[in-house]
Amino acid sequence: MQGISVPAGHWHIIANGFQGDLDIVITADGGVGGTIRIDVPTFDPIVGVWSESEQKIQFRRDVLVAHGTPQNYTGFLFEADESLLRESDYGRAVAPKYRVLTGSFDGTGTSVTRPLYGWLAWQLI
């Protein structure tokens, strides 16, 4: 299956209700680097891997405001149009189109009763 282009660039992110910015760099061998900024003004580094065949990203965020405690993110890439992100649907949207990453993460703030949280990132294309 031919995948969507790699998820490099600037993204808007919501992780467990906290909003911020996610900047992703993908190397030729599928390595992931960049920063995530949810705890303004702190930029936390991210490091991980991208799988083109699975359209899957995995990265670790070392949360600086929590003394470097890691959060481990896993997500999948897909494309969506405006109707996906609207409260009501008045017909098929032609534009805009989005690239979406969505998945789960563990780490800071998780507990035995709730080990995973959700996250969503989007980018206008």
N, C-alpha and C. Protein backbone atom coordinates (compact mmCIF):
# COMPACT_ATOMS: atom_id res chain seq x y z
N MET A 1 0.84 -1.19 0.00
CA MET A 1 0.00 0.00 0.00
C MET A 1 0.88 1.24 0.00
N GLN A 2 0.59 2.17 -0.87
CA GLN A 2 1.32 3.42 -0.91
C GLN A 2 0.84 4.31 0.23
N GLY A 3 1.74 4.80 1.03
CA GLY A 3 1.36 5.62 2.16
C GLY A 3 1.23 7.08 1.80
N ILE A 4 0.68 7.82 2.71
CA ILE A 4 0.65 9.27 2.61
C ILE A 4 2.07 9.73 2.89
N SER A 5 2.44 10.90 2.44
CA SER A 5 3.80 11.37 2.70
C SER A 5 4.09 11.41 4.19
N VAL A 6 5.37 11.33 4.53
CA VAL A 6 5.78 11.29 5.93
C VAL A 6 5.22 12.49 6.70
N PRO A 7 4.97 12.33 7.99
CA PRO A 7 4.32 13.39 8.77
C PRO A 7 5.27 14.47 9.31
N ALA A 8 6.18 14.93 8.46
CA ALA A 8 7.11 15.98 8.89
C ALA A 8 6.40 17.33 8.88
N GLY A 9 6.92 18.25 9.68
CA GLY A 9 6.40 19.62 9.68
C GLY A 9 5.76 20.01 10.99
N HIS A 10 5.01 21.11 10.93
CA HIS A 10 4.35 21.68 12.12
C HIS A 10 2.93 21.13 12.23
N TRP A 11 2.56 20.71 13.44
CA TRP A 11 1.24 20.16 13.74
C TRP A 11 0.65 20.87 14.95
N HIS A 12 -0.67 20.95 15.00
CA HIS A 12 -1.39 21.36 16.20
C HIS A 12 -1.73 20.06 16.93
N ILE A 13 -1.59 20.06 18.25
CA ILE A 13 -1.81 18.82 19.01
C ILE A 13 -2.70 19.07 20.22
N ILE A 14 -3.51 18.08 20.53
CA ILE A 14 -4.27 18.02 21.79
C ILE A 14 -3.93 16.66 22.39
N ALA A 15 -3.39 16.67 23.59
CA ALA A 15 -3.02 15.44 24.29
C ALA A 15 -3.73 15.44 25.64
N ASN A 16 -4.70 14.56 25.78
CA ASN A 16 -5.50 14.48 27.00
C ASN A 16 -6.10 15.83 27.38
N GLY A 17 -6.52 16.59 26.36
CA GLY A 17 -7.16 17.89 26.59
C GLY A 17 -6.21 19.07 26.64
N PHE A 18 -4.91 18.84 26.67
CA PHE A 18 -3.92 19.93 26.70
C PHE A 18 -3.48 20.23 25.28
N GLN A 19 -3.56 21.50 24.88
CA GLN A 19 -3.25 21.90 23.51
C GLN A 19 -1.83 22.42 23.38
N GLY A 20 -1.28 22.27 22.17
CA GLY A 20 0.06 22.78 21.94
C GLY A 20 0.50 22.61 20.50
N ASP A 21 1.81 22.58 20.32
CA ASP A 21 2.43 22.49 19.01
C ASP A 21 3.38 21.30 18.98
N LEU A 22 3.40 20.63 17.83
CA LEU A 22 4.27 19.48 17.61
C LEU A 22 5.02 19.72 16.32
N ASP A 23 6.34 19.72 16.38
CA ASP A 23 7.17 19.89 15.19
C ASP A 23 7.97 18.61 14.99
N ILE A 24 7.78 17.99 13.81
CA ILE A 24 8.36 16.68 13.52
C ILE A 24 9.35 16.77 12.37
N VAL A 25 10.50 16.13 12.57
CA VAL A 25 11.50 15.96 11.52
C VAL A 25 11.66 14.46 11.33
N ILE A 26 11.62 14.00 10.07
CA ILE A 26 11.80 12.58 9.76
C ILE A 26 13.08 12.44 8.93
N THR A 27 13.99 11.57 9.37
CA THR A 27 15.23 11.34 8.62
C THR A 27 14.98 10.30 7.52
N ALA A 28 15.92 10.17 6.60
CA ALA A 28 15.79 9.24 5.48
C ALA A 28 15.60 7.79 5.94
N ASP A 29 16.17 7.44 7.10
CA ASP A 29 16.04 6.07 7.59
C ASP A 29 14.84 5.86 8.52
N GLY A 30 13.94 6.85 8.60
CA GLY A 30 12.73 6.72 9.41
C GLY A 30 12.87 7.18 10.84
N GLY A 31 13.99 7.79 11.19
CA GLY A 31 14.15 8.33 12.54
C GLY A 31 13.28 9.57 12.72
N VAL A 32 12.77 9.75 13.92
CA VAL A 32 11.93 10.90 14.25
C VAL A 32 12.64 11.78 15.27
N GLY A 33 12.61 13.07 15.04
CA GLY A 33 13.12 14.05 15.98
C GLY A 33 12.18 15.24 15.98
N GLY A 34 12.46 16.21 16.83
CA GLY A 34 11.66 17.42 16.85
C GLY A 34 11.36 17.86 18.27
N THR A 35 10.30 18.64 18.39
CA THR A 35 9.90 19.17 19.70
C THR A 35 8.38 19.14 19.83
N ILE A 36 7.96 19.13 21.08
CA ILE A 36 6.54 19.26 21.41
C ILE A 36 6.44 20.33 22.49
N ARG A 37 5.46 21.22 22.34
CA ARG A 37 5.27 22.29 23.31
C ARG A 37 3.83 22.26 23.76
N ILE A 38 3.60 21.68 24.91
CA ILE A 38 2.27 21.66 25.51
C ILE A 38 2.28 22.47 26.79
N ASP A 39 3.35 22.35 27.55
CA ASP A 39 3.50 23.11 28.80
C ASP A 39 4.22 24.41 28.46
N VAL A 40 3.46 25.39 27.95
CA VAL A 40 4.04 26.66 27.51
C VAL A 40 4.82 27.26 28.65
N PRO A 41 6.01 27.78 28.45
CA PRO A 41 6.71 27.95 27.18
C PRO A 41 7.74 26.85 26.92
N THR A 42 7.65 25.71 27.60
CA THR A 42 8.67 24.66 27.51
C THR A 42 8.56 23.87 26.21
N PHE A 43 9.68 23.72 25.52
CA PHE A 43 9.78 22.86 24.35
C PHE A 43 10.47 21.57 24.80
N ASP A 44 9.75 20.45 24.73
CA ASP A 44 10.32 19.16 25.09
C ASP A 44 10.80 18.46 23.83
N PRO A 45 11.99 17.84 23.86
CA PRO A 45 12.46 17.10 22.69
C PRO A 45 11.67 15.81 22.51
N ILE A 46 11.55 15.38 21.24
CA ILE A 46 10.97 14.07 20.95
C ILE A 46 11.97 13.28 20.12
N VAL A 47 11.94 11.96 20.29
CA VAL A 47 12.81 11.06 19.52
C VAL A 47 12.04 9.76 19.30
N GLY A 48 12.11 9.21 18.08
CA GLY A 48 11.36 7.99 17.82
C GLY A 48 11.58 7.46 16.43
N VAL A 49 10.55 6.77 15.91
CA VAL A 49 10.63 6.13 14.59
C VAL A 49 9.33 6.32 13.82
N TRP A 50 9.46 6.32 12.49
CA TRP A 50 8.32 6.38 11.58
C TRP A 50 8.33 5.12 10.73
N SER A 51 7.19 4.44 10.62
CA SER A 51 7.03 3.27 9.76
C SER A 51 6.15 3.65 8.58
N GLU A 52 6.76 3.76 7.40
CA GLU A 52 6.01 4.11 6.20
C GLU A 52 4.96 3.05 5.88
N SER A 53 5.32 1.77 5.97
CA SER A 53 4.39 0.70 5.61
C SER A 53 3.17 0.65 6.51
N GLU A 54 3.34 0.99 7.80
CA GLU A 54 2.22 0.98 8.74
C GLU A 54 1.58 2.35 8.90
N GLN A 55 2.23 3.40 8.33
CA GLN A 55 1.78 4.78 8.54
C GLN A 55 1.68 5.06 10.05
N LYS A 56 2.70 4.58 10.79
CA LYS A 56 2.71 4.65 12.25
C LYS A 56 3.92 5.44 12.73
N ILE A 57 3.67 6.31 13.72
CA ILE A 57 4.74 7.05 14.37
C ILE A 57 4.79 6.64 15.83
N GLN A 58 6.01 6.49 16.35
CA GLN A 58 6.21 6.23 17.77
C GLN A 58 7.32 7.18 18.22
N PHE A 59 7.06 7.92 19.31
CA PHE A 59 8.11 8.79 19.83
C PHE A 59 7.99 8.94 21.34
N ARG A 60 9.11 9.29 21.93
CA ARG A 60 9.19 9.54 23.37
C ARG A 60 9.36 11.04 23.59
N ARG A 61 8.58 11.56 24.52
CA ARG A 61 8.70 12.95 24.95
C ARG A 61 9.21 12.93 26.38
N ASP A 62 10.37 13.55 26.62
CA ASP A 62 10.87 13.69 27.99
C ASP A 62 10.34 15.00 28.54
N VAL A 63 9.37 14.92 29.45
CA VAL A 63 8.64 16.09 29.95
C VAL A 63 9.52 16.84 30.96
N LEU A 64 10.07 17.96 30.52
CA LEU A 64 11.01 18.71 31.33
C LEU A 64 10.40 19.24 32.63
N VAL A 65 9.12 19.69 32.59
CA VAL A 65 8.50 20.20 33.81
C VAL A 65 8.21 19.10 34.82
N ALA A 66 8.33 17.82 34.40
CA ALA A 66 8.17 16.67 35.30
C ALA A 66 9.51 15.97 35.47
N HIS A 67 10.59 16.78 35.47
CA HIS A 67 11.95 16.27 35.71
C HIS A 67 12.38 15.20 34.70
N GLY A 68 11.97 15.36 33.44
CA GLY A 68 12.38 14.44 32.39
C GLY A 68 11.61 13.13 32.31
N THR A 69 10.50 13.04 33.06
CA THR A 69 9.69 11.82 33.01
C THR A 69 9.22 11.59 31.58
N PRO A 70 9.40 10.39 31.03
CA PRO A 70 9.02 10.16 29.63
C PRO A 70 7.53 9.89 29.43
N GLN A 71 7.04 10.33 28.29
CA GLN A 71 5.74 9.95 27.78
C GLN A 71 6.00 9.25 26.44
N ASN A 72 5.35 8.13 26.22
CA ASN A 72 5.55 7.34 25.01
C ASN A 72 4.31 7.42 24.14
N TYR A 73 4.46 8.02 22.95
CA TYR A 73 3.35 8.26 22.03
C TYR A 73 3.38 7.24 20.88
N THR A 74 2.21 6.75 20.50
CA THR A 74 2.04 5.94 19.30
C THR A 74 0.85 6.52 18.56
N GLY A 75 1.00 6.69 17.24
CA GLY A 75 -0.10 7.25 16.46
C GLY A 75 -0.06 6.78 15.02
N PHE A 76 -1.17 7.01 14.33
CA PHE A 76 -1.31 6.61 12.94
C PHE A 76 -1.74 7.81 12.11
N LEU A 77 -1.25 7.85 10.87
CA LEU A 77 -1.49 8.97 9.97
C LEU A 77 -2.60 8.64 8.98
N PHE A 78 -3.51 9.60 8.77
CA PHE A 78 -4.51 9.48 7.71
C PHE A 78 -4.92 10.87 7.25
N GLU A 79 -5.60 10.94 6.11
CA GLU A 79 -6.09 12.21 5.59
C GLU A 79 -7.59 12.30 5.84
N ALA A 80 -8.08 13.51 6.05
CA ALA A 80 -9.50 13.75 6.30
C ALA A 80 -9.87 15.09 5.70
N ASP A 81 -11.16 15.25 5.41
CA ASP A 81 -11.60 16.56 4.94
C ASP A 81 -12.33 17.28 6.07
N GLU A 82 -12.79 18.47 5.77
CA GLU A 82 -13.41 19.34 6.77
C GLU A 82 -14.57 18.67 7.50
N SER A 83 -15.34 17.83 6.81
CA SER A 83 -16.53 17.25 7.44
C SER A 83 -16.19 16.38 8.65
N LEU A 84 -14.98 15.83 8.71
CA LEU A 84 -14.57 15.03 9.86
C LEU A 84 -14.49 15.89 11.11
N LEU A 85 -14.12 17.14 10.96
CA LEU A 85 -13.87 18.00 12.11
C LEU A 85 -15.00 18.99 12.38
N ARG A 86 -16.15 18.82 11.75
CA ARG A 86 -17.31 19.68 12.00
C ARG A 86 -18.31 18.98 12.91
N GLU A 87 -19.12 19.78 13.62
CA GLU A 87 -20.15 19.21 14.48
C GLU A 87 -21.32 18.68 13.67
N SER A 88 -21.61 19.30 12.52
CA SER A 88 -22.70 18.83 11.67
C SER A 88 -22.20 18.74 10.24
N ASP A 89 -22.86 17.92 9.46
CA ASP A 89 -22.41 17.68 8.09
C ASP A 89 -23.47 18.17 7.11
N TYR A 90 -23.13 19.19 6.32
CA TYR A 90 -24.05 19.75 5.33
C TYR A 90 -23.63 19.35 3.93
N GLY A 91 -23.14 18.16 3.77
CA GLY A 91 -22.67 17.69 2.47
C GLY A 91 -21.17 17.49 2.48
N ARG A 92 -20.69 16.88 1.47
CA ARG A 92 -19.27 16.54 1.36
C ARG A 92 -18.45 17.81 1.16
N ALA A 93 -17.47 18.01 2.02
CA ALA A 93 -16.60 19.17 1.91
C ALA A 93 -15.58 18.94 0.80
N VAL A 94 -15.28 19.97 0.07
CA VAL A 94 -14.27 19.90 -0.98
C VAL A 94 -12.92 20.32 -0.42
N ALA A 95 -12.91 21.33 0.42
CA ALA A 95 -11.69 21.83 1.04
C ALA A 95 -12.09 22.42 2.38
N PRO A 96 -11.28 22.52 3.32
CA PRO A 96 -9.88 22.12 3.31
C PRO A 96 -9.71 20.64 3.60
N LYS A 97 -8.49 20.16 3.39
CA LYS A 97 -8.12 18.79 3.73
C LYS A 97 -7.08 18.84 4.85
N TYR A 98 -7.11 17.83 5.68
CA TYR A 98 -6.20 17.74 6.81
C TYR A 98 -5.42 16.44 6.75
N ARG A 99 -4.23 16.47 7.32
CA ARG A 99 -3.52 15.24 7.67
C ARG A 99 -3.68 15.11 9.18
N VAL A 100 -4.00 13.93 9.63
CA VAL A 100 -4.31 13.70 11.04
C VAL A 100 -3.42 12.59 11.57
N LEU A 101 -2.86 12.81 12.75
CA LEU A 101 -2.19 11.78 13.53
C LEU A 101 -3.03 11.58 14.78
N THR A 102 -3.31 10.35 15.13
CA THR A 102 -4.07 10.11 16.35
C THR A 102 -3.64 8.79 16.97
N GLY A 103 -3.69 8.73 18.29
CA GLY A 103 -3.27 7.52 18.98
C GLY A 103 -3.35 7.68 20.48
N SER A 104 -2.41 7.04 21.16
CA SER A 104 -2.41 7.07 22.62
C SER A 104 -1.00 7.31 23.14
N PHE A 105 -0.93 7.68 24.42
CA PHE A 105 0.36 7.85 25.08
C PHE A 105 0.25 7.44 26.53
N ASP A 106 1.41 7.08 27.10
CA ASP A 106 1.50 6.74 28.52
C ASP A 106 2.55 7.64 29.15
N GLY A 107 2.74 7.49 30.44
CA GLY A 107 3.79 8.27 31.10
C GLY A 107 3.25 9.18 32.17
N THR A 108 3.73 10.40 32.20
CA THR A 108 3.39 11.39 33.23
C THR A 108 1.89 11.44 33.50
N GLY A 109 1.51 11.25 34.74
CA GLY A 109 0.12 11.37 35.14
C GLY A 109 -0.70 10.10 34.97
N THR A 110 -0.15 9.07 34.34
CA THR A 110 -0.92 7.84 34.17
C THR A 110 -0.94 7.05 35.48
N SER A 111 -1.90 6.17 35.58
CA SER A 111 -2.03 5.37 36.80
C SER A 111 -2.39 3.94 36.41
N VAL A 112 -2.45 3.08 37.41
CA VAL A 112 -2.82 1.69 37.16
C VAL A 112 -4.23 1.62 36.59
N THR A 113 -5.13 2.48 37.07
CA THR A 113 -6.52 2.43 36.60
C THR A 113 -6.69 3.11 35.24
N ARG A 114 -5.74 3.97 34.85
CA ARG A 114 -5.79 4.60 33.54
C ARG A 114 -4.37 4.73 32.99
N PRO A 115 -3.86 3.68 32.36
CA PRO A 115 -2.48 3.71 31.89
C PRO A 115 -2.26 4.45 30.58
N LEU A 116 -3.33 4.71 29.80
CA LEU A 116 -3.18 5.38 28.50
C LEU A 116 -4.11 6.58 28.38
N TYR A 117 -3.65 7.58 27.61
CA TYR A 117 -4.44 8.76 27.28
C TYR A 117 -4.45 8.93 25.77
N GLY A 118 -5.42 9.67 25.25
CA GLY A 118 -5.51 9.89 23.82
C GLY A 118 -4.86 11.19 23.39
N TRP A 119 -4.44 11.21 22.12
CA TRP A 119 -3.91 12.44 21.52
C TRP A 119 -4.32 12.52 20.06
N LEU A 120 -4.38 13.75 19.56
CA LEU A 120 -4.77 14.04 18.20
C LEU A 120 -3.94 15.22 17.72
N ALA A 121 -3.37 15.10 16.53
CA ALA A 121 -2.63 16.22 15.92
C ALA A 121 -3.13 16.39 14.50
N TRP A 122 -3.18 17.63 14.02
CA TRP A 122 -3.66 17.88 12.66
C TRP A 122 -2.84 18.97 12.01
N GLN A 123 -2.85 18.87 10.68
CA GLN A 123 -2.07 19.75 9.84
C GLN A 123 -2.92 20.02 8.58
N LEU A 124 -3.11 21.27 8.24
CA LEU A 124 -3.84 21.64 7.04
C LEU A 124 -2.98 21.35 5.81
N ILE A 125 -3.56 20.72 4.79
CA ILE A 125 -2.80 20.46 3.55
C ILE A 125 -3.47 21.13 2.37
